[in-house]
C-alpha atoms as a PDB file:
ATOM      1  CA  UNK A   1       4.795  -8.255  16.420  1.00  0.00           C
ATOM      2  CA  UNK A   2       8.230  -6.734  14.824  1.00  0.00           C
ATOM      3  CA  UNK A   3       8.277  -3.483  13.422  1.00  0.00           C
ATOM      4  CA  UNK A   4       9.138  -5.171   9.593  1.00  0.00           C
ATOM      5  CA  UNK A   5       6.017  -7.020  10.108  1.00  0.00           C
ATOM      6  CA  UNK A   6       4.157  -3.821  10.520  1.00  0.00           C
ATOM      7  CA  UNK A   7       5.837  -2.020   7.662  1.00  0.00           C
ATOM      8  CA  UNK A   8       5.551  -5.028   5.706  1.00  0.00           C
ATOM      9  CA  UNK A   9       1.456  -4.825   6.161  1.00  0.00           C
ATOM     10  CA  UNK A  10       1.282  -1.322   5.297  1.00  0.00           C
ATOM     11  CA  UNK A  11       3.390  -1.380   2.476  1.00  0.00           C
ATOM     12  CA  UNK A  12       2.541  -4.354   1.005  1.00  0.00           C
ATOM     13  CA  UNK A  13      -0.450  -6.404   2.226  1.00  0.00           C
ATOM     14  CA  UNK A  14      -2.822  -3.719   2.912  1.00  0.00           C
ATOM     15  CA  UNK A  15      -2.729  -2.247  -0.706  1.00  0.00           C
ATOM     16  CA  UNK A  16      -3.158  -6.140  -1.824  1.00  0.00           C
ATOM     17  CA  UNK A  17      -6.135  -6.313   0.235  1.00  0.00           C
ATOM     18  CA  UNK A  18      -7.510  -2.824  -0.961  1.00  0.00           C
ATOM     19  CA  UNK A  19      -6.951  -4.261  -4.399  1.00  0.00           C
ATOM     20  CA  UNK A  20      -8.748  -7.268  -4.364  1.00  0.00           C
ATOM     21  CA  UNK A  21     -11.944  -7.935  -5.781  1.00  0.00           C
ATOM     22  CA  UNK A  22     -14.591  -7.157  -3.238  1.00  0.00           C
ATOM     23  CA  UNK A  23     -16.931 -10.195  -4.898  1.00  0.00           C
ATOM     24  CA  UNK A  24     -18.443 -11.957  -1.560  1.00  0.00           C
ATOM     25  CA  UNK A  25     -17.242 -10.164   1.177  1.00  0.00           C
ATOM     26  CA  UNK A  26     -17.797  -6.357   0.878  1.00  0.00           C
ATOM     27  CA  UNK A  27     -21.264  -6.372   1.508  1.00  0.00           C
ATOM     28  CA  UNK A  28     -21.340  -7.606   4.806  1.00  0.00           C
ATOM     29  CA  UNK A  29     -17.909  -5.919   5.955  1.00  0.00           C
ATOM     30  CA  UNK A  30     -19.400  -2.843   4.860  1.00  0.00           C
ATOM     31  CA  UNK A  31     -22.122  -2.979   7.216  1.00  0.00           C
ATOM     32  CA  UNK A  32     -19.765  -3.916   9.626  1.00  0.00           C
ATOM     33  CA  UNK A  33     -17.577  -0.711   9.161  1.00  0.00           C
ATOM     34  CA  UNK A  34     -20.828   1.681   9.084  1.00  0.00           C
ATOM     35  CA  UNK A  35     -22.084   0.381  12.699  1.00  0.00           C
ATOM     36  CA  UNK A  36     -18.672   0.687  14.670  1.00  0.00           C
ATOM     37  CA  UNK A  37     -18.142   3.464  16.831  1.00  0.00           C
ATOM     38  CA  UNK A  38     -14.422   5.052  16.537  1.00  0.00           C
ATOM     39  CA  UNK A  39     -13.059   2.689  19.126  1.00  0.00           C
ATOM     40  CA  UNK A  40     -14.887  -0.674  17.872  1.00  0.00           C
ATOM     41  CA  UNK A  41     -13.055   0.468  14.575  1.00  0.00           C
ATOM     42  CA  UNK A  42      -9.724   0.578  15.760  1.00  0.00           C
ATOM     43  CA  UNK A  43     -10.217  -2.670  17.430  1.00  0.00           C
ATOM     44  CA  UNK A  44     -11.042  -4.002  13.976  1.00  0.00           C
ATOM     45  CA  UNK A  45      -8.294  -2.329  12.177  1.00  0.00           C
ATOM     46  CA  UNK A  46      -6.144  -3.784  14.360  1.00  0.00           C
ATOM     47  CA  UNK A  47      -7.548  -7.272  14.401  1.00  0.00           C
ATOM     48  CA  UNK A  48      -7.442  -7.036  10.599  1.00  0.00           C
ATOM     49  CA  UNK A  49      -3.985  -6.169  10.572  1.00  0.00           C
ATOM     50  CA  UNK A  50      -2.831  -9.134  12.996  1.00  0.00           C
ATOM     51  CA  UNK A  51      -5.085 -11.601  10.634  1.00  0.00           C
ATOM     52  CA  UNK A  52      -3.713 -10.480   7.698  1.00  0.00           C
ATOM     53  CA  UNK A  53      -0.007 -10.557   8.653  1.00  0.00           C
ATOM     54  CA  UNK A  54      -0.480 -13.782  10.108  1.00  0.00           C
ATOM     55  CA  UNK A  55      -1.861 -15.529   7.235  1.00  0.00           C
ATOM     56  CA  UNK A  56       0.731 -13.868   4.724  1.00  0.00           C
ATOM     57  CA  UNK A  57       3.070 -15.576   7.095  1.00  0.00           C
ATOM     58  CA  UNK A  58       1.224 -19.498   6.932  1.00  0.00           C
ATOM     59  CA  UNK A  59       1.115 -18.210   3.174  1.00  0.00           C
ATOM     60  CA  UNK A  60       5.000 -17.812   3.376  1.00  0.00           C
ATOM     61  CA  UNK A  61       5.575 -21.029   5.013  1.00  0.00           C
ATOM     62  CA  UNK A  62       3.556 -23.048   3.151  1.00  0.00           C
ATOM     63  CA  UNK A  63       4.489 -21.621  -0.643  1.00  0.00           C
ATOM     64  CA  UNK A  64       1.129 -20.100  -1.012  1.00  0.00           C
ATOM     65  CA  UNK A  65       1.897 -16.406  -0.358  1.00  0.00           C
ATOM     66  CA  UNK A  66       0.143 -13.495  -1.784  1.00  0.00           C
ATOM     67  CA  UNK A  67       1.171 -12.529  -5.914  1.00  0.00           C
ATOM     68  CA  UNK A  68       2.942 -10.230  -6.824  1.00  0.00           C
END
């Protein structure tokens, strides 16, 4: 991933994810995050970053990006 994509995740995508209402997914993810070791938590965060960046890019390609 480019440095710009990592910057974009940290300054635009992650704040959007954190501001999203935790309707249906909050409970399972909270349970998961509470059970992870520190190494697994780091891997989980990297996987979340990778998935969010690629979902954002797919949204740009199809014209359905995150709202401002």
